[in-house]
C-alpha atoms as a PDB file:
ATOM      1  CA  MET A   1     -20.412  19.537 -13.631  1.00  0.00           C
ATOM      2  CA  LYS A   2     -20.985  17.228 -10.676  1.00  0.00           C
ATOM      3  CA  SER A   3     -17.952  16.202  -8.653  1.00  0.00           C
ATOM      4  CA  GLY A   4     -17.173  12.527  -8.158  1.00  0.00           C
ATOM      5  CA  LEU A   5     -14.415  10.019  -7.567  1.00  0.00           C
ATOM      6  CA  ILE A   6     -12.516   7.363  -9.508  1.00  0.00           C
ATOM      7  CA  VAL A   7     -11.258   4.510  -7.362  1.00  0.00           C
ATOM      8  CA  ASP A   8      -8.957   1.853  -8.846  1.00  0.00           C
ATOM      9  CA  LEU A   9      -9.367  -1.423  -6.978  1.00  0.00           C
ATOM     10  CA  GLY A  10      -6.763  -3.290  -9.034  1.00  0.00           C
ATOM     11  CA  LEU A  11      -7.261  -7.060  -9.189  1.00  0.00           C
ATOM     12  CA  VAL A  12     -10.094  -7.936  -6.811  1.00  0.00           C
ATOM     13  CA  GLU A  13     -12.279 -10.994  -6.251  1.00  0.00           C
ATOM     14  CA  TYR A  14     -15.732 -10.606  -7.746  1.00  0.00           C
ATOM     15  CA  GLY A  15     -17.521 -11.304  -4.460  1.00  0.00           C
ATOM     16  CA  ALA A  16     -15.537  -8.611  -2.654  1.00  0.00           C
ATOM     17  CA  ALA A  17     -16.298  -6.048  -5.383  1.00  0.00           C
ATOM     18  CA  TRP A  18     -20.004  -6.894  -5.311  1.00  0.00           C
ATOM     19  CA  SER A  19     -20.106  -6.532  -1.528  1.00  0.00           C
ATOM     20  CA  LEU A  20     -18.375  -3.157  -1.799  1.00  0.00           C
ATOM     21  CA  GLN A  21     -20.899  -2.017  -4.397  1.00  0.00           C
ATOM     22  CA  ARG A  22     -23.824  -2.866  -2.116  1.00  0.00           C
ATOM     23  CA  ARG A  23     -22.282  -0.795   0.676  1.00  0.00           C
ATOM     24  CA  MET A  24     -21.681   2.079  -1.727  1.00  0.00           C
ATOM     25  CA  VAL A  25     -25.241   2.003  -3.062  1.00  0.00           C
ATOM     26  CA  ALA A  26     -26.605   2.358   0.480  1.00  0.00           C
ATOM     27  CA  ALA A  27     -24.240   5.252   1.159  1.00  0.00           C
ATOM     28  CA  ARG A  28     -25.010   6.947  -2.167  1.00  0.00           C
ATOM     29  CA  LYS A  29     -28.760   6.782  -1.511  1.00  0.00           C
ATOM     30  CA  ALA A  30     -28.116   8.642   1.730  1.00  0.00           C
ATOM     31  CA  ALA A  31     -25.809  11.161  -0.018  1.00  0.00           C
ATOM     32  CA  ALA A  32     -22.993  10.012   2.279  1.00  0.00           C
ATOM     33  CA  ILE A  33     -20.645   9.571  -0.706  1.00  0.00           C
ATOM     34  CA  PRO A  34     -20.514  11.292  -4.106  1.00  0.00           C
ATOM     35  CA  ASP A  35     -20.862   9.521  -7.431  1.00  0.00           C
ATOM     36  CA  VAL A  36     -18.012   7.028  -7.811  1.00  0.00           C
ATOM     37  CA  LEU A  37     -16.543   5.074 -10.713  1.00  0.00           C
ATOM     38  CA  LEU A  38     -14.895   1.866  -9.524  1.00  0.00           C
ATOM     39  CA  LEU A  39     -12.351   0.362 -11.918  1.00  0.00           C
ATOM     40  CA  CYS A  40     -10.907  -3.120 -11.489  1.00  0.00           C
ATOM     41  CA  GLU A  41      -9.968  -6.487 -12.911  1.00  0.00           C
ATOM     42  CA  HIS A  42     -11.281  -9.802 -11.621  1.00  0.00           C
ATOM     43  CA  PRO A  43      -9.746 -13.254 -11.343  1.00  0.00           C
ATOM     44  CA  HIS A  44     -11.532 -15.729 -13.627  1.00  0.00           C
ATOM     45  CA  VAL A  45     -15.267 -15.628 -12.894  1.00  0.00           C
ATOM     46  CA  ILE A  46     -18.543 -16.267 -14.709  1.00  0.00           C
ATOM     47  CA  THR A  47     -21.622 -14.311 -13.670  1.00  0.00           C
ATOM     48  CA  LEU A  48     -25.270 -14.882 -14.483  1.00  0.00           C
ATOM     49  CA  GLY A  49     -27.674 -11.946 -14.674  1.00  0.00           C
ATOM     50  CA  ARG A  50     -31.324 -11.742 -13.621  1.00  0.00           C
ATOM     51  CA  SER A  51     -32.600 -12.719 -17.054  1.00  0.00           C
ATOM     52  CA  GLY A  52     -29.838 -15.261 -17.661  1.00  0.00           C
ATOM     53  CA  LYS A  53     -30.282 -18.915 -18.449  1.00  0.00           C
ATOM     54  CA  LEU A  54     -28.070 -21.467 -16.750  1.00  0.00           C
ATOM     55  CA  ALA A  55     -28.197 -23.457 -19.995  1.00  0.00           C
ATOM     56  CA  ASN A  56     -25.834 -20.828 -21.435  1.00  0.00           C
ATOM     57  CA  LEU A  57     -23.097 -22.112 -19.123  1.00  0.00           C
ATOM     58  CA  ARG A  58     -21.265 -24.692 -21.232  1.00  0.00           C
ATOM     59  CA  ALA A  59     -18.840 -25.908 -18.553  1.00  0.00           C
ATOM     60  CA  SER A  60     -19.443 -28.422 -15.799  1.00  0.00           C
ATOM     61  CA  ASP A  61     -18.705 -27.652 -12.148  1.00  0.00           C
ATOM     62  CA  GLU A  62     -15.686 -29.928 -12.446  1.00  0.00           C
ATOM     63  CA  GLU A  63     -14.284 -28.001 -15.400  1.00  0.00           C
ATOM     64  CA  LEU A  64     -14.810 -24.679 -13.636  1.00  0.00           C
ATOM     65  CA  ARG A  65     -12.915 -25.974 -10.605  1.00  0.00           C
ATOM     66  CA  ARG A  66     -10.129 -27.353 -12.789  1.00  0.00           C
ATOM     67  CA  ARG A  67      -9.710 -23.997 -14.525  1.00  0.00           C
ATOM     68  CA  ASP A  68     -10.083 -22.042 -11.272  1.00  0.00           C
ATOM     69  CA  VAL A  69     -13.186 -20.164 -12.457  1.00  0.00           C
ATOM     70  CA  SER A  70     -15.699 -18.906  -9.900  1.00  0.00           C
ATOM     71  CA  PHE A  71     -19.436 -18.619 -10.565  1.00  0.00           C
ATOM     72  CA  PHE A  72     -21.967 -16.094  -9.240  1.00  0.00           C
ATOM     73  CA  GLU A  73     -25.670 -15.513  -9.797  1.00  0.00           C
ATOM     74  CA  THR A  74     -26.193 -11.746  -9.582  1.00  0.00           C
ATOM     75  CA  ASN A  75     -28.922  -9.089  -9.567  1.00  0.00           C
ATOM     76  CA  ARG A  76     -27.625  -7.259 -12.638  1.00  0.00           C
ATOM     77  CA  GLY A  77     -29.455  -7.180 -15.935  1.00  0.00           C
ATOM     78  CA  GLY A  78     -28.397  -9.309 -18.868  1.00  0.00           C
ATOM     79  CA  ASP A  79     -27.526 -12.940 -19.329  1.00  0.00           C
ATOM     80  CA  ILE A  80     -24.216 -14.712 -18.731  1.00  0.00           C
ATOM     81  CA  THR A  81     -20.733 -13.267 -19.070  1.00  0.00           C
ATOM     82  CA  TYR A  82     -17.101 -13.884 -18.197  1.00  0.00           C
ATOM     83  CA  HIS A  83     -14.669 -11.615 -16.333  1.00  0.00           C
ATOM     84  CA  GLY A  84     -10.961 -12.194 -16.022  1.00  0.00           C
ATOM     85  CA  PRO A  85      -7.481 -10.678 -16.006  1.00  0.00           C
ATOM     86  CA  GLY A  86      -6.879  -8.282 -18.882  1.00  0.00           C
ATOM     87  CA  GLN A  87     -10.492  -7.106 -18.864  1.00  0.00           C
ATOM     88  CA  LEU A  88     -11.262  -3.603 -17.603  1.00  0.00           C
ATOM     89  CA  VAL A  89     -14.389  -3.685 -15.450  1.00  0.00           C
ATOM     90  CA  GLY A  90     -16.165  -0.481 -14.469  1.00  0.00           C
ATOM     91  CA  TYR A  91     -18.787  -0.151 -11.748  1.00  0.00           C
ATOM     92  CA  PRO A  92     -20.339   3.345 -11.764  1.00  0.00           C
ATOM     93  CA  ILE A  93     -22.214   4.070  -8.531  1.00  0.00           C
ATOM     94  CA  LEU A  94     -24.217   7.065  -9.737  1.00  0.00           C
ATOM     95  CA  ASN A  95     -27.396   8.722  -8.544  1.00  0.00           C
ATOM     96  CA  LEU A  96     -29.332   9.157 -11.780  1.00  0.00           C
ATOM     97  CA  SER A  97     -31.912  11.260  -9.934  1.00  0.00           C
ATOM     98  CA  GLU A  98     -29.277  13.999 -10.067  1.00  0.00           C
ATOM     99  CA  ILE A  99     -28.314  13.341 -13.697  1.00  0.00           C
ATOM    100  CA  ARG A 100     -31.201  11.920 -15.747  1.00  0.00           C
ATOM    101  CA  ARG A 101     -33.838   9.350 -14.783  1.00  0.00           C
ATOM    102  CA  ASP A 102     -33.618   7.214 -17.894  1.00  0.00           C
ATOM    103  CA  VAL A 103     -32.239   3.671 -17.784  1.00  0.00           C
ATOM    104  CA  GLY A 104     -32.001   3.321 -21.573  1.00  0.00           C
ATOM    105  CA  TRP A 105     -30.114   6.604 -21.826  1.00  0.00           C
ATOM    106  CA  TYR A 106     -27.751   5.442 -19.090  1.00  0.00           C
ATOM    107  CA  VAL A 107     -26.950   2.169 -20.874  1.00  0.00           C
ATOM    108  CA  ARG A 108     -26.406   4.025 -24.168  1.00  0.00           C
ATOM    109  CA  GLY A 109     -24.051   6.355 -22.274  1.00  0.00           C
ATOM    110  CA  LEU A 110     -21.945   3.439 -21.066  1.00  0.00           C
ATOM    111  CA  GLU A 111     -21.776   2.167 -24.645  1.00  0.00           C
ATOM    112  CA  GLU A 112     -20.827   5.626 -25.886  1.00  0.00           C
ATOM    113  CA  SER A 113     -17.964   5.849 -23.409  1.00  0.00           C
ATOM    114  CA  MET A 114     -16.474   2.603 -24.739  1.00  0.00           C
ATOM    115  CA  ILE A 115     -17.118   3.523 -28.384  1.00  0.00           C
ATOM    116  CA  ARG A 116     -15.288   6.845 -28.004  1.00  0.00           C
ATOM    117  CA  ALA A 117     -12.366   5.250 -26.184  1.00  0.00           C
ATOM    118  CA  THR A 118     -12.072   2.553 -28.853  1.00  0.00           C
ATOM    119  CA  ALA A 119     -12.036   5.211 -31.591  1.00  0.00           C
ATOM    120  CA  GLY A 120      -9.053   6.765 -29.841  1.00  0.00           C
ATOM    121  CA  PHE A 121      -7.114   3.585 -30.683  1.00  0.00           C
ATOM    122  CA  GLY A 122      -8.129   3.833 -34.343  1.00  0.00           C
ATOM    123  CA  ILE A 123     -10.793   1.111 -34.122  1.00  0.00           C
ATOM    124  CA  ALA A 124     -14.394   1.688 -35.194  1.00  0.00           C
ATOM    125  CA  SER A 125     -16.955   0.064 -32.898  1.00  0.00           C
ATOM    126  CA  ARG A 126     -20.701   0.418 -32.758  1.00  0.00           C
ATOM    127  CA  ARG A 127     -23.988  -0.531 -31.191  1.00  0.00           C
ATOM    128  CA  VAL A 128     -26.123  -3.332 -32.603  1.00  0.00           C
ATOM    129  CA  PRO A 129     -29.891  -2.725 -32.535  1.00  0.00           C
ATOM    130  CA  GLY A 130     -31.634  -4.917 -30.011  1.00  0.00           C
ATOM    131  CA  ARG A 131     -28.453  -5.777 -28.086  1.00  0.00           C
ATOM    132  CA  THR A 132     -26.468  -4.051 -25.385  1.00  0.00           C
ATOM    133  CA  GLY A 133     -22.729  -3.628 -25.538  1.00  0.00           C
ATOM    134  CA  VAL A 134     -20.121  -2.548 -28.068  1.00  0.00           C
ATOM    135  CA  TRP A 135     -19.432  -4.507 -31.246  1.00  0.00           C
ATOM    136  CA  VAL A 136     -16.754  -4.534 -33.940  1.00  0.00           C
ATOM    137  CA  ASP A 137     -17.189  -5.700 -37.548  1.00  0.00           C
ATOM    138  CA  ILE A 138     -14.588  -8.353 -38.390  1.00  0.00           C
ATOM    139  CA  PRO A 139     -13.896  -9.296 -42.051  1.00  0.00           C
ATOM    140  CA  ALA A 140     -15.036 -12.846 -42.817  1.00  0.00           C
ATOM    141  CA  GLY A 141     -14.446 -13.676 -46.469  1.00  0.00           C
ATOM    142  CA  THR A 142     -16.609 -11.373 -48.581  1.00  0.00           C
ATOM    143  CA  ALA A 143     -18.759 -10.371 -45.593  1.00  0.00           C
ATOM    144  CA  THR A 144     -18.239  -9.291 -41.982  1.00  0.00           C
ATOM    145  CA  GLU A 145     -19.062 -10.795 -38.625  1.00  0.00           C
ATOM    146  CA  GLU A 146     -19.867  -8.946 -35.419  1.00  0.00           C
ATOM    147  CA  GLU A 147     -17.652  -9.624 -32.413  1.00  0.00           C
ATOM    148  CA  LYS A 148     -18.265  -8.185 -28.964  1.00  0.00           C
ATOM    149  CA  LEU A 149     -15.655  -5.907 -27.430  1.00  0.00           C
ATOM    150  CA  GLY A 150     -17.567  -4.527 -24.453  1.00  0.00           C
ATOM    151  CA  ALA A 151     -20.454  -5.894 -22.381  1.00  0.00           C
ATOM    152  CA  ILE A 152     -22.935  -4.131 -20.111  1.00  0.00           C
ATOM    153  CA  GLY A 153     -25.129  -5.317 -17.258  1.00  0.00           C
ATOM    154  CA  VAL A 154     -26.572  -2.890 -14.714  1.00  0.00           C
ATOM    155  CA  HIS A 155     -28.778  -2.731 -11.639  1.00  0.00           C
ATOM    156  CA  LEU A 156     -30.677   0.278 -10.300  1.00  0.00           C
ATOM    157  CA  SER A 157     -32.107   0.783  -6.829  1.00  0.00           C
ATOM    158  CA  ARG A 158     -33.975   4.062  -6.243  1.00  0.00           C
ATOM    159  CA  TRP A 159     -32.094   5.408  -9.274  1.00  0.00           C
ATOM    160  CA  VAL A 160     -28.655   4.551  -7.852  1.00  0.00           C
ATOM    161  CA  THR A 161     -26.691   2.411 -10.278  1.00  0.00           C
ATOM    162  CA  SER A 162     -24.438  -0.566  -9.683  1.00  0.00           C
ATOM    163  CA  HIS A 163     -22.679  -3.237 -11.754  1.00  0.00           C
ATOM    164  CA  GLY A 164     -21.698  -1.706 -15.120  1.00  0.00           C
ATOM    165  CA  PHE A 165     -19.426  -2.545 -18.049  1.00  0.00           C
ATOM    166  CA  ALA A 166     -16.634  -4.949 -19.004  1.00  0.00           C
ATOM    167  CA  TYR A 167     -14.186  -4.032 -21.780  1.00  0.00           C
ATOM    168  CA  ASN A 168     -11.842  -6.651 -23.216  1.00  0.00           C
ATOM    169  CA  VAL A 169      -8.349  -5.201 -23.319  1.00  0.00           C
ATOM    170  CA  SER A 170      -6.004  -8.203 -23.306  1.00  0.00           C
ATOM    171  CA  THR A 171      -8.488 -10.810 -22.082  1.00  0.00           C
ATOM    172  CA  ASP A 172      -7.785 -14.500 -22.701  1.00  0.00           C
ATOM    173  CA  LEU A 173     -10.685 -15.039 -25.091  1.00  0.00           C
ATOM    174  CA  ARG A 174     -10.553 -18.819 -24.731  1.00  0.00           C
ATOM    175  CA  TYR A 175     -12.476 -18.495 -21.459  1.00  0.00           C
ATOM    176  CA  PHE A 176     -15.516 -17.227 -23.363  1.00  0.00           C
ATOM    177  CA  ASP A 177     -15.802 -20.756 -24.776  1.00  0.00           C
ATOM    178  CA  LEU A 178     -17.114 -21.774 -21.341  1.00  0.00           C
ATOM    179  CA  ILE A 179     -20.339 -19.834 -21.992  1.00  0.00           C
ATOM    180  CA  VAL A 180     -22.697 -18.623 -24.696  1.00  0.00           C
ATOM    181  CA  PRO A 181     -21.576 -14.992 -24.375  1.00  0.00           C
ATOM    182  CA  CYS A 182     -24.503 -12.816 -23.262  1.00  0.00           C
ATOM    183  CA  GLY A 183     -26.772 -15.671 -24.321  1.00  0.00           C
ATOM    184  CA  ILE A 184     -26.280 -14.946 -28.027  1.00  0.00           C
ATOM    185  CA  ALA A 185     -25.400 -18.134 -29.881  1.00  0.00           C
ATOM    186  CA  GLY A 186     -22.882 -17.892 -32.707  1.00  0.00           C
ATOM    187  CA  LYS A 187     -21.354 -14.587 -31.569  1.00  0.00           C
ATOM    188  CA  ARG A 188     -17.781 -14.350 -30.324  1.00  0.00           C
ATOM    189  CA  ALA A 189     -15.900 -11.947 -28.108  1.00  0.00           C
ATOM    190  CA  THR A 190     -12.862  -9.979 -29.201  1.00  0.00           C
ATOM    191  CA  SER A 191     -10.296  -7.792 -27.442  1.00  0.00           C
ATOM    192  CA  LEU A 192      -8.534  -4.521 -28.145  1.00  0.00           C
ATOM    193  CA  GLU A 193      -5.222  -6.384 -28.144  1.00  0.00           C
ATOM    194  CA  LYS A 194      -6.456  -8.781 -30.829  1.00  0.00           C
ATOM    195  CA  LEU A 195      -7.829  -5.930 -32.942  1.00  0.00           C
ATOM    196  CA  LEU A 196      -4.628  -3.881 -32.713  1.00  0.00           C
ATOM    197  CA  GLY A 197      -2.279  -6.835 -33.070  1.00  0.00           C
ATOM    198  CA  ARG A 198      -0.060  -5.646 -30.238  1.00  0.00           C
ATOM    199  CA  ARG A 199       0.204  -5.860 -26.473  1.00  0.00           C
ATOM    200  CA  VAL A 200      -2.152  -3.465 -24.664  1.00  0.00           C
ATOM    201  CA  GLU A 201      -2.075  -2.799 -20.927  1.00  0.00           C
ATOM    202  CA  ILE A 202      -5.092  -1.988 -18.792  1.00  0.00           C
ATOM    203  CA  GLN A 203      -3.356   1.239 -17.716  1.00  0.00           C
ATOM    204  CA  GLU A 204      -3.410   2.383 -21.350  1.00  0.00           C
ATOM    205  CA  VAL A 205      -7.175   1.992 -21.639  1.00  0.00           C
ATOM    206  CA  ALA A 206      -8.586   2.914 -18.234  1.00  0.00           C
ATOM    207  CA  PRO A 207      -7.887   6.684 -18.420  1.00  0.00           C
ATOM    208  CA  PRO A 208      -9.623   7.305 -21.776  1.00  0.00           C
ATOM    209  CA  ILE A 209     -12.666   5.216 -20.849  1.00  0.00           C
ATOM    210  CA  ALA A 210     -12.955   7.024 -17.511  1.00  0.00           C
ATOM    211  CA  ALA A 211     -12.539  10.408 -19.212  1.00  0.00           C
ATOM    212  CA  HIS A 212     -15.208   9.672 -21.810  1.00  0.00           C
ATOM    213  CA  LEU A 213     -17.595   8.325 -19.172  1.00  0.00           C
ATOM    214  CA  ALA A 214     -17.139  11.507 -17.154  1.00  0.00           C
ATOM    215  CA  GLU A 215     -17.794  13.577 -20.277  1.00  0.00           C
ATOM    216  CA  VAL A 216     -20.920  11.627 -21.260  1.00  0.00           C
ATOM    217  CA  PHE A 217     -22.491  11.900 -17.803  1.00  0.00           C
ATOM    218  CA  GLY A 218     -21.311  15.414 -16.999  1.00  0.00           C
ATOM    219  CA  LEU A 219     -19.036  14.429 -14.128  1.00  0.00           C
ATOM    220  CA  ASP A 220     -15.809  15.913 -12.816  1.00  0.00           C
ATOM    221  CA  LEU A 221     -14.032  12.820 -11.509  1.00  0.00           C
ATOM    222  CA  ARG A 222     -10.883  12.927  -9.379  1.00  0.00           C
ATOM    223  CA  ALA A 223      -8.783   9.985  -8.307  1.00  0.00           C
ATOM    224  CA  ALA A 224      -9.167   8.689  -4.758  1.00  0.00           C
ATOM    225  CA  GLY A 225      -7.673   5.754  -2.925  1.00  0.00           C
ATOM    226  CA  VAL A 226      -9.493   2.719  -1.591  1.00  0.00           C
ATOM    227  CA  ASP A 227      -8.664   3.800   1.971  1.00  0.00           C
ATOM    228  CA  ALA A 228     -10.406   7.158   1.478  1.00  0.00           C
ATOM    229  CA  LEU A 229     -13.512   5.447   0.093  1.00  0.00           C
ATOM    230  CA  GLU A 230     -13.502   2.930   2.937  1.00  0.00           C
ATOM    231  CA  ALA A 231     -13.267   5.746   5.495  1.00  0.00           C
ATOM    232  CA  MET A 232     -16.362   7.446   4.016  1.00  0.00           C
ATOM    233  CA  LEU A 233     -18.279   4.182   4.050  1.00  0.00           C
ATOM    234  CA  ARG A 234     -17.335   3.387   7.643  1.00  0.00           C
ATOM    235  CA  GLN A 235     -18.354   6.864   8.778  1.00  0.00           C
ATOM    236  CA  PHE A 236     -21.774   6.327   7.175  1.00  0.00           C
ATOM    237  CA  GLU A 237     -22.187   2.777   8.461  1.00  0.00           C
ATOM    238  CA  GLU A 238     -21.310   3.742  12.033  1.00  0.00           C
ATOM    239  CA  GLN A 239     -24.245   6.137  12.195  1.00  0.00           C
ATOM    240  CA  PRO A 240     -27.076   4.811  14.401  1.00  0.00           C
ATOM    241  CA  ALA A 241     -29.637   4.623  11.598  1.00  0.00           C
ATOM    242  CA  CYS A 242     -27.610   4.152   8.412  1.00  0.00           C
ATOM    243  CA  ALA A 243     -29.560   3.181   5.285  1.00  0.00           C
ATOM    244  CA  THR A 244     -29.441  -0.289   3.776  1.00  0.00           C
ATOM    245  CA  ALA A 245     -29.314  -1.253   0.091  1.00  0.00           C
END
């Protein structure tokens, strides 16, 4: 198994996390850092992916300011999504050249990590053909409706990954009303807390998701602090000819 790190950023602004990812991608391309899984939460923010449509943002600039929601256009795949407190966000910075050069397989692996972790809480979740992410069937009268528990949007540069997944633990689902989630009209988001009918903390969910992700991608991940990661990045960046993302 390949060795790597898990770094918990805690609650961090989206822009700061994105900047850190870009630095890490440059360092990972140069083999100056190992594979790393960043885990965090974000303050309220809406992000638009490369293939996203601004029409899927339902809120005006004024409403976003009033509700203290930031907005970013990003280079990840996918459409529009929301991040906020109570949502576990994972940013794997992995060199797929050393694992498997297959973007579809990588995305399915992220889904599998969330599906396995969800099963550990007694909830069945699944993929939906033609869509990324993790879905749960919710009873609706005599039928069922699909609600989204986990979203995925990734970026690859010379087979080094960035961005990643967002898993709704105790997310305030009302904020998803500000967008058409992932650009799919008529589909709603759900959370593990809503499904279980009890309070769920991020700290209860992060370890199993990280463990399943490590298992899926054949990684041996050990915990490291932000200071240790920052020291590795600075050492790389202070070299005369350090790589750029």
